[in-house]
Amino acid sequence: LDIEDFDEISRRTPKIADMQPGGQSVMNDLHEIGG
């Protein structure tokens, strides 16, 4: 596993959860909808 692998996978994988610190939600919010 190389550091470049993170960028390669990130380029093809969208961000679909907006939690703190970027958003406002916390882990318990995720837990309440199934984790």
PDB file of all heavy atoms in Angstrom:
ATOM      1  N   LEU A   1       0.860  -1.181   0.000  1.00  0.00           N
ATOM      2  CA  LEU A   1       0.000   0.000   0.000  1.00  0.00           C
ATOM      3  C   LEU A   1       0.894   1.227   0.000  1.00  0.00           C
ATOM      4  O   LEU A   1       1.831   1.325   0.793  1.00  0.00           O
ATOM      5  CB  LEU A   1      -0.899   0.001   1.242  1.00  0.00           C
ATOM      6  CG  LEU A   1      -2.068   0.986   1.241  1.00  0.00           C
ATOM      7  CD1 LEU A   1      -3.137   0.564   0.237  1.00  0.00           C
ATOM      8  CD2 LEU A   1      -2.682   1.099   2.640  1.00  0.00           C
ATOM      9  N   ASP A   2       0.615   2.163  -0.898  1.00  0.00           N
ATOM     10  CA  ASP A   2       1.407   3.380  -1.011  1.00  0.00           C
ATOM     11  C   ASP A   2       0.525   4.597  -0.786  1.00  0.00           C
ATOM     12  O   ASP A   2      -0.699   4.540  -0.980  1.00  0.00           O
ATOM     13  CB  ASP A   2       2.069   3.478  -2.387  1.00  0.00           C
ATOM     14  CG  ASP A   2       3.099   2.392  -2.614  1.00  0.00           C
ATOM     15  OD1 ASP A   2       3.964   2.199  -1.740  1.00  0.00           O
ATOM     16  OD2 ASP A   2       3.024   1.723  -3.659  1.00  0.00           O
ATOM     17  N   ILE A   3       1.174   5.707  -0.467  1.00  0.00           N
ATOM     18  CA  ILE A   3       0.413   6.919  -0.180  1.00  0.00           C
ATOM     19  C   ILE A   3      -0.371   7.377  -1.410  1.00  0.00           C
ATOM     20  O   ILE A   3      -1.461   7.945  -1.282  1.00  0.00           O
ATOM     21  CB  ILE A   3       1.355   8.021   0.360  1.00  0.00           C
ATOM     22  CG1 ILE A   3       0.532   9.152   0.999  1.00  0.00           C
ATOM     23  CG2 ILE A   3       2.306   8.531  -0.707  1.00  0.00           C
ATOM     24  CD1 ILE A   3       1.362  10.112   1.817  1.00  0.00           C
ATOM     25  N   GLU A   4       0.141   7.114  -2.609  1.00  0.00           N
ATOM     26  CA  GLU A   4      -0.569   7.502  -3.826  1.00  0.00           C
ATOM     27  C   GLU A   4      -1.900   6.767  -3.976  1.00  0.00           C
ATOM     28  O   GLU A   4      -2.830   7.256  -4.632  1.00  0.00           O
ATOM     29  CB  GLU A   4       0.299   7.241  -5.063  1.00  0.00           C
ATOM     30  CG  GLU A   4       1.511   8.138  -5.188  1.00  0.00           C
ATOM     31  CD  GLU A   4       2.709   7.608  -4.412  1.00  0.00           C
ATOM     32  OE1 GLU A   4       2.572   6.529  -3.757  1.00  0.00           O
ATOM     33  OE2 GLU A   4       3.773   8.245  -4.447  1.00  0.00           O
ATOM     34  N   ASP A   5      -2.011   5.572  -3.368  1.00  0.00           N
ATOM     35  CA  ASP A   5      -3.257   4.820  -3.461  1.00  0.00           C
ATOM     36  C   ASP A   5      -4.429   5.587  -2.849  1.00  0.00           C
ATOM     37  O   ASP A   5      -5.573   5.459  -3.304  1.00  0.00           O
ATOM     38  CB  ASP A   5      -3.118   3.471  -2.754  1.00  0.00           C
ATOM     39  CG  ASP A   5      -2.134   2.541  -3.449  1.00  0.00           C
ATOM     40  OD1 ASP A   5      -2.108   2.545  -4.699  1.00  0.00           O
ATOM     41  OD2 ASP A   5      -1.390   1.831  -2.757  1.00  0.00           O
ATOM     42  N   PHE A   6      -4.148   6.376  -1.825  1.00  0.00           N
ATOM     43  CA  PHE A   6      -5.218   7.140  -1.173  1.00  0.00           C
ATOM     44  C   PHE A   6      -5.801   8.166  -2.141  1.00  0.00           C
ATOM     45  O   PHE A   6      -7.023   8.362  -2.192  1.00  0.00           O
ATOM     46  CB  PHE A   6      -4.684   7.822   0.082  1.00  0.00           C
ATOM     47  CG  PHE A   6      -4.370   6.872   1.197  1.00  0.00           C
ATOM     48  CD1 PHE A   6      -3.176   6.173   1.225  1.00  0.00           C
ATOM     49  CD2 PHE A   6      -5.280   6.656   2.218  1.00  0.00           C
ATOM     50  CE1 PHE A   6      -2.882   5.281   2.253  1.00  0.00           C
ATOM     51  CE2 PHE A   6      -5.010   5.768   3.245  1.00  0.00           C
ATOM     52  CZ  PHE A   6      -3.806   5.073   3.260  1.00  0.00           C
ATOM     53  N   ASP A   7      -4.933   8.830  -2.886  1.00  0.00           N
ATOM     54  CA  ASP A   7      -5.428   9.835  -3.826  1.00  0.00           C
ATOM     55  C   ASP A   7      -6.178   9.184  -4.977  1.00  0.00           C
ATOM     56  O   ASP A   7      -7.234   9.682  -5.408  1.00  0.00           O
ATOM     57  CB  ASP A   7      -4.266  10.676  -4.363  1.00  0.00           C
ATOM     58  CG  ASP A   7      -4.749  11.974  -4.976  1.00  0.00           C
ATOM     59  OD1 ASP A   7      -5.247  12.820  -4.214  1.00  0.00           O
ATOM     60  OD2 ASP A   7      -4.653  12.129  -6.196  1.00  0.00           O
ATOM     61  N   GLU A   8      -5.666   8.074  -5.464  1.00  0.00           N
ATOM     62  CA  GLU A   8      -6.324   7.383  -6.576  1.00  0.00           C
ATOM     63  C   GLU A   8      -7.735   6.960  -6.188  1.00  0.00           C
ATOM     64  O   GLU A   8      -8.706   7.152  -6.946  1.00  0.00           O
ATOM     65  CB  GLU A   8      -5.505   6.167  -6.990  1.00  0.00           C
ATOM     66  CG  GLU A   8      -6.116   5.363  -8.126  1.00  0.00           C
ATOM     67  CD  GLU A   8      -5.339   4.100  -8.438  1.00  0.00           C
ATOM     68  OE1 GLU A   8      -4.144   4.025  -8.080  1.00  0.00           O
ATOM     69  OE2 GLU A   8      -5.925   3.179  -9.034  1.00  0.00           O
ATOM     70  N   ILE A   9      -7.880   6.380  -4.997  1.00  0.00           N
ATOM     71  CA  ILE A   9      -9.200   5.914  -4.553  1.00  0.00           C
ATOM     72  C   ILE A   9     -10.095   7.100  -4.224  1.00  0.00           C
ATOM     73  O   ILE A   9     -11.302   7.093  -4.515  1.00  0.00           O
ATOM     74  CB  ILE A   9      -9.051   4.958  -3.357  1.00  0.00           C
ATOM     75  CG1 ILE A   9      -8.348   3.672  -3.822  1.00  0.00           C
ATOM     76  CG2 ILE A   9     -10.406   4.638  -2.731  1.00  0.00           C
ATOM     77  CD1 ILE A   9      -7.954   2.733  -2.706  1.00  0.00           C
ATOM     78  N   SER A  10      -9.535   8.160  -3.654  1.00  0.00           N
ATOM     79  CA  SER A  10     -10.325   9.342  -3.320  1.00  0.00           C
ATOM     80  C   SER A  10     -10.877  10.025  -4.563  1.00  0.00           C
ATOM     81  O   SER A  10     -11.992  10.558  -4.546  1.00  0.00           O
ATOM     82  CB  SER A  10      -9.474  10.328  -2.517  1.00  0.00           C
ATOM     83  OG  SER A  10     -10.247  11.413  -2.046  1.00  0.00           O
ATOM     84  N   ARG A  11     -10.128  10.025  -5.647  1.00  0.00           N
ATOM     85  CA  ARG A  11     -10.594  10.655  -6.888  1.00  0.00           C
ATOM     86  C   ARG A  11     -11.841   9.967  -7.431  1.00  0.00           C
ATOM     87  O   ARG A  11     -12.692  10.611  -8.072  1.00  0.00           O
ATOM     88  CB  ARG A  11      -9.489  10.629  -7.941  1.00  0.00           C
ATOM     89  CG  ARG A  11      -8.371  11.642  -7.711  1.00  0.00           C
ATOM     90  CD  ARG A  11      -7.319  11.532  -8.804  1.00  0.00           C
ATOM     91  NE  ARG A  11      -6.189  12.420  -8.598  1.00  0.00           N
ATOM     92  CZ  ARG A  11      -6.111  13.675  -9.037  1.00  0.00           C
ATOM     93  NH1 ARG A  11      -7.120  14.202  -9.699  1.00  0.00           N
ATOM     94  NH2 ARG A  11      -5.024  14.399  -8.830  1.00  0.00           N
ATOM     95  N   ARG A  12     -11.994   8.656  -7.183  1.00  0.00           N
ATOM     96  CA  ARG A  12     -13.146   7.933  -7.747  1.00  0.00           C
ATOM     97  C   ARG A  12     -14.259   7.696  -6.725  1.00  0.00           C
ATOM     98  O   ARG A  12     -15.304   7.141  -7.074  1.00  0.00           O
ATOM     99  CB  ARG A  12     -12.693   6.603  -8.334  1.00  0.00           C
ATOM    100  CG  ARG A  12     -12.185   5.579  -7.330  1.00  0.00           C
ATOM    101  CD  ARG A  12     -11.875   4.241  -8.014  1.00  0.00           C
ATOM    102  NE  ARG A  12     -11.488   3.200  -7.101  1.00  0.00           N
ATOM    103  CZ  ARG A  12     -10.272   2.665  -7.029  1.00  0.00           C
ATOM    104  NH1 ARG A  12      -9.307   3.104  -7.827  1.00  0.00           N
ATOM    105  NH2 ARG A  12     -10.005   1.695  -6.161  1.00  0.00           N
ATOM    106  N   THR A  13     -14.033   8.116  -5.480  1.00  0.00           N
ATOM    107  CA  THR A  13     -15.008   7.867  -4.414  1.00  0.00           C
ATOM    108  C   THR A  13     -15.556   9.192  -3.901  1.00  0.00           C
ATOM    109  O   THR A  13     -14.825   9.986  -3.307  1.00  0.00           O
ATOM    110  CB  THR A  13     -14.360   7.106  -3.239  1.00  0.00           C
ATOM    111  OG1 THR A  13     -13.691   5.949  -3.731  1.00  0.00           O
ATOM    112  CG2 THR A  13     -15.414   6.708  -2.212  1.00  0.00           C
ATOM    113  N   PRO A  14     -16.820   9.468  -4.095  1.00  0.00           N
ATOM    114  CA  PRO A  14     -17.359  10.753  -3.637  1.00  0.00           C
ATOM    115  C   PRO A  14     -17.497  10.807  -2.119  1.00  0.00           C
ATOM    116  O   PRO A  14     -17.615   9.779  -1.454  1.00  0.00           O
ATOM    117  CB  PRO A  14     -18.726  10.815  -4.308  1.00  0.00           C
ATOM    118  CG  PRO A  14     -19.119   9.390  -4.499  1.00  0.00           C
ATOM    119  CD  PRO A  14     -17.833   8.644  -4.776  1.00  0.00           C
ATOM    120  N   LYS A  15     -17.486  12.022  -1.606  1.00  0.00           N
ATOM    121  CA  LYS A  15     -17.760  12.221  -0.181  1.00  0.00           C
ATOM    122  C   LYS A  15     -19.261  12.243  -0.001  1.00  0.00           C
ATOM    123  O   LYS A  15     -19.959  13.107  -0.536  1.00  0.00           O
ATOM    124  CB  LYS A  15     -17.147  13.526   0.316  1.00  0.00           C
ATOM    125  CG  LYS A  15     -17.387  13.773   1.799  1.00  0.00           C
ATOM    126  CD  LYS A  15     -16.788  15.092   2.255  1.00  0.00           C
ATOM    127  CE  LYS A  15     -17.106  15.349   3.716  1.00  0.00           C
ATOM    128  NZ  LYS A  15     -16.584  16.669   4.183  1.00  0.00           N
ATOM    129  N   ILE A  16     -19.786  11.300   0.788  1.00  0.00           N
ATOM    130  CA  ILE A  16     -21.240  11.195   0.936  1.00  0.00           C
ATOM    131  C   ILE A  16     -21.716  11.379   2.374  1.00  0.00           C
ATOM    132  O   ILE A  16     -22.927  11.364   2.617  1.00  0.00           O
ATOM    133  CB  ILE A  16     -21.771   9.858   0.371  1.00  0.00           C
ATOM    134  CG1 ILE A  16     -21.172   8.662   1.109  1.00  0.00           C
ATOM    135  CG2 ILE A  16     -21.508   9.765  -1.124  1.00  0.00           C
ATOM    136  CD1 ILE A  16     -21.792   7.320   0.693  1.00  0.00           C
ATOM    137  N   ALA A  17     -20.804  11.550   3.313  1.00  0.00           N
ATOM    138  CA  ALA A  17     -21.200  11.825   4.696  1.00  0.00           C
ATOM    139  C   ALA A  17     -20.567  13.143   5.115  1.00  0.00           C
ATOM    140  O   ALA A  17     -19.363  13.331   4.969  1.00  0.00           O
ATOM    141  CB  ALA A  17     -20.757  10.702   5.626  1.00  0.00           C
ATOM    142  N   ASP A  18     -21.372  14.059   5.621  1.00  0.00           N
ATOM    143  CA  ASP A  18     -20.891  15.388   5.994  1.00  0.00           C
ATOM    144  C   ASP A  18     -20.994  15.530   7.509  1.00  0.00           C
ATOM    145  O   ASP A  18     -22.002  15.983   8.044  1.00  0.00           O
ATOM    146  CB  ASP A  18     -21.726  16.456   5.292  1.00  0.00           C
ATOM    147  CG  ASP A  18     -21.146  17.848   5.462  1.00  0.00           C
ATOM    148  OD1 ASP A  18     -19.916  17.952   5.610  1.00  0.00           O
ATOM    149  OD2 ASP A  18     -21.926  18.816   5.436  1.00  0.00           O
ATOM    150  N   MET A  19     -19.933  15.120   8.175  1.00  0.00           N
ATOM    151  CA  MET A  19     -19.920  15.108   9.640  1.00  0.00           C
ATOM    152  C   MET A  19     -18.850  16.059  10.157  1.00  0.00           C
ATOM    153  O   MET A  19     -18.011  16.544   9.400  1.00  0.00           O
ATOM    154  CB  MET A  19     -19.671  13.675  10.129  1.00  0.00           C
ATOM    155  CG  MET A  19     -20.714  12.683   9.605  1.00  0.00           C
ATOM    156  SD  MET A  19     -20.347  10.974  10.017  1.00  0.00           S
ATOM    157  CE  MET A  19     -20.625  11.008  11.792  1.00  0.00           C
ATOM    158  N   GLN A  20     -18.887  16.334  11.457  1.00  0.00           N
ATOM    159  CA  GLN A  20     -17.836  17.170  12.020  1.00  0.00           C
ATOM    160  C   GLN A  20     -16.481  16.519  11.769  1.00  0.00           C
ATOM    161  O   GLN A  20     -16.368  15.300  11.848  1.00  0.00           O
ATOM    162  CB  GLN A  20     -18.043  17.333  13.539  1.00  0.00           C
ATOM    163  CG  GLN A  20     -19.163  18.240  13.919  1.00  0.00           C
ATOM    164  CD  GLN A  20     -19.047  18.714  15.364  1.00  0.00           C
ATOM    165  OE1 GLN A  20     -17.971  18.767  15.969  1.00  0.00           O
ATOM    166  NE2 GLN A  20     -20.174  19.055  15.952  1.00  0.00           N
ATOM    167  N   PRO A  21     -15.452  17.320  11.399  1.00  0.00           N
ATOM    168  CA  PRO A  21     -15.382  18.777  11.530  1.00  0.00           C
ATOM    169  C   PRO A  21     -15.896  19.558  10.339  1.00  0.00           C
ATOM    170  O   PRO A  21     -16.128  20.764  10.466  1.00  0.00           O
ATOM    171  CB  PRO A  21     -13.880  19.016  11.702  1.00  0.00           C
ATOM    172  CG  PRO A  21     -13.250  17.942  10.886  1.00  0.00           C
ATOM    173  CD  PRO A  21     -14.132  16.736  11.072  1.00  0.00           C
ATOM    174  N   GLY A  22     -16.066  18.956   9.155  1.00  0.00           N
ATOM    175  CA  GLY A  22     -16.545  19.715   8.017  1.00  0.00           C
ATOM    176  C   GLY A  22     -18.011  20.086   8.142  1.00  0.00           C
ATOM    177  O   GLY A  22     -18.429  21.187   7.779  1.00  0.00           O
ATOM    178  N   GLY A  23     -18.822  19.150   8.655  1.00  0.00           N
ATOM    179  CA  GLY A  23     -20.250  19.390   8.846  1.00  0.00           C
ATOM    180  C   GLY A  23     -20.589  19.577  10.313  1.00  0.00           C
ATOM    181  O   GLY A  23     -19.743  19.926  11.128  1.00  0.00           O
ATOM    182  N   GLN A  24     -21.839  19.294  10.654  1.00  0.00           N
ATOM    183  CA  GLN A  24     -22.304  19.509  12.021  1.00  0.00           C
ATOM    184  C   GLN A  24     -22.641  18.211  12.761  1.00  0.00           C
ATOM    185  O   GLN A  24     -22.767  18.215  13.978  1.00  0.00           O
ATOM    186  CB  GLN A  24     -23.553  20.413  12.010  1.00  0.00           C
ATOM    187  CG  GLN A  24     -23.294  21.807  11.471  1.00  0.00           C
ATOM    188  CD  GLN A  24     -22.240  22.550  12.257  1.00  0.00           C
ATOM    189  OE1 GLN A  24     -22.253  22.558  13.486  1.00  0.00           O
ATOM    190  NE2 GLN A  24     -21.304  23.166  11.555  1.00  0.00           N
ATOM    191  N   SER A  25     -22.777  17.105  12.050  1.00  0.00           N
ATOM    192  CA  SER A  25     -23.254  15.871  12.670  1.00  0.00           C
ATOM    193  C   SER A  25     -22.127  15.108  13.357  1.00  0.00           C
ATOM    194  O   SER A  25     -20.947  15.271  13.029  1.00  0.00           O
ATOM    195  CB  SER A  25     -23.923  14.979  11.624  1.00  0.00           C
ATOM    196  OG  SER A  25     -25.040  15.638  11.071  1.00  0.00           O
ATOM    197  N   VAL A  26     -22.518  14.262  14.312  1.00  0.00           N
ATOM    198  CA  VAL A  26     -21.557  13.481  15.088  1.00  0.00           C
ATOM    199  C   VAL A  26     -21.854  11.993  14.927  1.00  0.00           C
ATOM    200  O   VAL A  26     -22.821  11.597  14.273  1.00  0.00           O
ATOM    201  CB  VAL A  26     -21.586  13.886  16.576  1.00  0.00           C
ATOM    202  CG1 VAL A  26     -21.136  15.327  16.743  1.00  0.00           C
ATOM    203  CG2 VAL A  26     -22.976  13.682  17.183  1.00  0.00           C
ATOM    204  N   MET A  27     -21.019  11.166  15.552  1.00  0.00           N
ATOM    205  CA  MET A  27     -21.129   9.717  15.379  1.00  0.00           C
ATOM    206  C   MET A  27     -22.490   9.192  15.816  1.00  0.00           C
ATOM    207  O   MET A  27     -23.035   8.276  15.191  1.00  0.00           O
ATOM    208  CB  MET A  27     -20.010   9.021  16.149  1.00  0.00           C
ATOM    209  CG  MET A  27     -19.840   7.550  15.828  1.00  0.00           C
ATOM    210  SD  MET A  27     -19.332   7.275  14.100  1.00  0.00           S
ATOM    211  CE  MET A  27     -18.497   5.693  14.217  1.00  0.00           C
ATOM    212  N   ASN A  28     -23.050   9.747  16.865  1.00  0.00           N
ATOM    213  CA  ASN A  28     -24.350   9.265  17.318  1.00  0.00           C
ATOM    214  C   ASN A  28     -25.433   9.507  16.281  1.00  0.00           C
ATOM    215  O   ASN A  28     -26.373   8.713  16.152  1.00  0.00           O
ATOM    216  CB  ASN A  28     -24.743   9.932  18.639  1.00  0.00           C
ATOM    217  CG  ASN A  28     -26.033   9.358  19.200  1.00  0.00           C
ATOM    218  OD1 ASN A  28     -26.132   8.165  19.461  1.00  0.00           O
ATOM    219  ND2 ASN A  28     -27.046  10.206  19.354  1.00  0.00           N
ATOM    220  N   ASP A  29     -25.313  10.587  15.515  1.00  0.00           N
ATOM    221  CA  ASP A  29     -26.274  10.831  14.438  1.00  0.00           C
ATOM    222  C   ASP A  29     -26.206   9.720  13.401  1.00  0.00           C
ATOM    223  O   ASP A  29     -27.238   9.256  12.893  1.00  0.00           O
ATOM    224  CB  ASP A  29     -25.992  12.185  13.774  1.00  0.00           C
ATOM    225  CG  ASP A  29     -26.189  13.357  14.715  1.00  0.00           C
ATOM    226  OD1 ASP A  29     -27.168  13.341  15.475  1.00  0.00           O
ATOM    227  OD2 ASP A  29     -25.359  14.280  14.695  1.00  0.00           O
ATOM    228  N   LEU A  30     -24.985   9.297  13.070  1.00  0.00           N
ATOM    229  CA  LEU A  30     -24.826   8.189  12.130  1.00  0.00           C
ATOM    230  C   LEU A  30     -25.380   6.898  12.731  1.00  0.00           C
ATOM    231  O   LEU A  30     -26.020   6.096  12.033  1.00  0.00           O
ATOM    232  CB  LEU A  30     -23.349   8.023  11.763  1.00  0.00           C
ATOM    233  CG  LEU A  30     -23.011   6.940  10.735  1.00  0.00           C
ATOM    234  CD1 LEU A  30     -23.707   7.206   9.404  1.00  0.00           C
ATOM    235  CD2 LEU A  30     -21.494   6.849  10.536  1.00  0.00           C
ATOM    236  N   HIS A  31     -25.155   6.691  14.021  1.00  0.00           N
ATOM    237  CA  HIS A  31     -25.649   5.484  14.685  1.00  0.00           C
ATOM    238  C   HIS A  31     -27.173   5.383  14.597  1.00  0.00           C
ATOM    239  O   HIS A  31     -27.719   4.290  14.380  1.00  0.00           O
ATOM    240  CB  HIS A  31     -25.209   5.487  16.146  1.00  0.00           C
ATOM    241  CG  HIS A  31     -25.667   4.290  16.914  1.00  0.00           C
ATOM    242  ND1 HIS A  31     -25.217   3.011  16.651  1.00  0.00           N
ATOM    243  CD2 HIS A  31     -26.565   4.164  17.938  1.00  0.00           C
ATOM    244  CE1 HIS A  31     -25.802   2.151  17.467  1.00  0.00           C
ATOM    245  NE2 HIS A  31     -26.629   2.825  18.248  1.00  0.00           N
ATOM    246  N   GLU A  32     -27.838   6.503  14.722  1.00  0.00           N
ATOM    247  CA  GLU A  32     -29.301   6.497  14.748  1.00  0.00           C
ATOM    248  C   GLU A  32     -29.925   6.138  13.411  1.00  0.00           C
ATOM    249  O   GLU A  32     -31.107   5.787  13.354  1.00  0.00           O
ATOM    250  CB  GLU A  32     -29.809   7.860  15.228  1.00  0.00           C
ATOM    251  CG  GLU A  32     -29.538   8.098  16.714  1.00  0.00           C
ATOM    252  CD  GLU A  32     -30.037   9.441  17.198  1.00  0.00           C
ATOM    253  OE1 GLU A  32     -30.404  10.290  16.336  1.00  0.00           O
ATOM    254  OE2 GLU A  32     -30.075   9.661  18.422  1.00  0.00           O
ATOM    255  N   ILE A  33     -29.141   6.191  12.331  1.00  0.00           N
ATOM    256  CA  ILE A  33     -29.695   5.797  11.029  1.00  0.00           C
ATOM    257  C   ILE A  33     -29.099   4.482  10.523  1.00  0.00           C
ATOM    258  O   ILE A  33     -29.269   4.124   9.358  1.00  0.00           O
ATOM    259  CB  ILE A  33     -29.489   6.903   9.974  1.00  0.00           C
ATOM    260  CG1 ILE A  33     -28.002   7.182   9.742  1.00  0.00           C
ATOM    261  CG2 ILE A  33     -30.230   8.172  10.366  1.00  0.00           C
ATOM    262  CD1 ILE A  33     -27.727   8.059   8.526  1.00  0.00           C
ATOM    263  N   GLY A  34     -28.388   3.770  11.403  1.00  0.00           N
ATOM    264  CA  GLY A  34     -27.872   2.454  11.025  1.00  0.00           C
ATOM    265  C   GLY A  34     -26.372   2.296  11.106  1.00  0.00           C
ATOM    266  O   GLY A  34     -25.855   1.210  10.903  1.00  0.00           O
ATOM    267  N   GLY A  35     -25.654   3.385  11.371  1.00  0.00           N
ATOM    268  CA  GLY A  35     -24.210   3.297  11.576  1.00  0.00           C
ATOM    269  C   GLY A  35     -23.422   3.196  10.283  1.00  0.00           C
ATOM    270  O   GLY A  35     -23.910   3.462   9.172  1.00  0.00           O
TER     271      GLY A  35
END
